[in-house]
Amino acid sequence: NAQTSAYPLVASDAGKVVRNTTGGWTIPANVFTTIGQTVTLLNASSSDQTITASALTYLWNTADGVNIKASTLTLGAQAMATIWFEGGDTGYIQSSNLTVS
């Protein structure tokens, strides 16, 4: 799924890579409601992009076990992040280049 502007994830993105070149991604609540659904975000840009997850109740960072849903999430240039969903409001994110602030 190739995007070129800010993009809210949709149910049909489950199991796909959502590539974006600008604007970042928003993860709405209750979109990925089946346990085990995954989505991978690919930053195909030479600039950082933002992941907005504030609608979720939990977005657990697998790097340190912290709930980062309310944080500013920045996916670095040319980086990928995969999110595994436990239900409509809970996800687990793994990324090679994710800044949480």
Protein backbone atom coordinates (compact mmCIF):
# COMPACT_ATOMS: atom_id res chain seq x y z
CA ASN A 1 0.00 0.00 0.00
CA ALA A 2 1.93 3.05 -1.25
CA GLN A 3 1.01 6.44 0.20
CA THR A 4 2.38 9.94 -0.38
CA SER A 5 0.66 11.94 2.40
CA ALA A 6 -0.64 11.58 5.97
CA TYR A 7 -2.42 8.25 6.14
CA PRO A 8 -4.87 6.74 8.64
CA LEU A 9 -4.55 2.95 8.70
CA VAL A 10 -7.61 0.95 7.63
CA ALA A 11 -8.67 -2.67 8.22
CA SER A 12 -7.56 -3.76 4.74
CA ASP A 13 -3.97 -2.81 5.67
CA ALA A 14 -3.76 -5.89 7.92
CA GLY A 15 -0.97 -8.16 6.72
CA LYS A 16 0.48 -5.50 4.44
CA VAL A 17 3.36 -3.06 4.30
CA VAL A 18 2.11 0.53 4.25
CA ARG A 19 4.82 2.56 2.52
CA ASN A 20 4.75 6.32 2.94
CA THR A 21 6.95 9.12 1.65
CA THR A 22 5.54 12.03 3.68
CA GLY A 23 2.98 12.81 6.38
CA GLY A 24 3.26 9.73 8.58
CA TRP A 25 0.55 7.36 9.81
CA THR A 26 -2.33 7.43 12.26
CA ILE A 27 -3.46 4.26 14.02
CA PRO A 28 -7.17 4.54 14.84
CA ALA A 29 -8.76 2.43 17.59
CA ASN A 30 -10.92 -0.57 16.69
CA VAL A 31 -9.54 -1.01 13.17
CA PHE A 32 -7.45 -4.13 13.77
CA THR A 33 -9.81 -6.08 16.01
CA THR A 34 -8.71 -9.66 15.33
CA ILE A 35 -5.95 -10.89 17.61
CA GLY A 36 -2.75 -11.47 15.66
CA GLN A 37 -3.32 -8.94 12.88
CA THR A 38 -0.14 -7.16 11.86
CA VAL A 39 0.79 -4.15 9.79
CA THR A 40 4.25 -2.93 8.82
CA LEU A 41 5.01 0.75 8.30
CA LEU A 42 7.80 1.59 5.85
CA ASN A 43 9.27 5.08 5.82
CA ALA A 44 10.40 5.39 2.21
CA SER A 45 11.73 8.89 2.79
CA SER A 46 15.06 10.44 3.71
CA SER A 47 13.23 12.33 6.51
CA ASP A 48 11.66 11.18 9.76
CA GLN A 49 7.90 10.54 9.87
CA THR A 50 5.47 10.46 12.78
CA ILE A 51 3.27 7.58 13.95
CA THR A 52 0.19 8.78 15.85
CA ALA A 53 -1.29 6.11 18.15
CA SER A 54 -3.12 8.21 20.76
CA ALA A 55 -6.51 6.60 19.94
CA LEU A 56 -5.24 3.24 21.23
CA THR A 57 -5.40 2.32 24.91
CA TYR A 58 -2.03 0.55 24.74
CA LEU A 59 0.84 0.56 22.27
CA TRP A 60 3.57 -1.45 23.93
CA ASN A 61 7.15 -0.83 22.78
CA THR A 62 8.77 -4.26 22.59
CA ALA A 63 12.20 -2.67 23.08
CA ASP A 64 11.46 -1.73 26.71
CA GLY A 65 7.90 -2.81 27.59
CA VAL A 66 6.57 0.74 27.97
CA ASN A 67 3.12 1.89 26.83
CA ILE A 68 4.02 4.60 24.29
CA LYS A 69 0.60 5.34 22.77
CA ALA A 70 0.52 8.93 24.10
CA SER A 71 4.12 9.69 23.14
CA THR A 72 5.51 11.35 20.05
CA LEU A 73 6.65 8.43 17.88
CA THR A 74 9.14 9.17 15.15
CA LEU A 75 10.08 6.55 12.59
CA GLY A 76 13.51 7.34 11.18
CA ALA A 77 14.38 7.73 7.53
CA GLN A 78 14.29 4.50 5.49
CA ALA A 79 13.12 2.54 8.56
CA MET A 80 10.38 -0.01 9.19
CA ALA A 81 8.11 -0.72 12.15
CA THR A 82 5.84 -3.72 12.58
CA ILE A 83 2.81 -3.63 14.86
CA TRP A 84 1.09 -6.78 16.14
CA PHE A 85 -2.45 -6.22 17.42
CA GLU A 86 -3.99 -7.99 20.40
CA GLY A 87 -7.35 -6.34 19.81
CA GLY A 88 -8.91 -3.08 18.69
CA ASP A 89 -7.16 -0.96 21.31
CA THR A 90 -3.88 -2.79 21.99
CA GLY A 91 -0.76 -3.19 19.88
CA TYR A 92 2.91 -4.13 20.21
CA ILE A 93 5.45 -2.25 18.08
CA GLN A 94 8.92 -3.39 17.00
CA SER A 95 11.17 -1.09 15.03
CA SER A 96 14.80 -0.68 14.09
CA ASN A 97 14.74 3.12 14.25
CA LEU A 98 11.95 4.46 16.48
CA THR A 99 12.34 7.53 18.68
CA VAL A 100 9.90 7.93 21.56
CA SER A 101 9.57 11.33 23.20
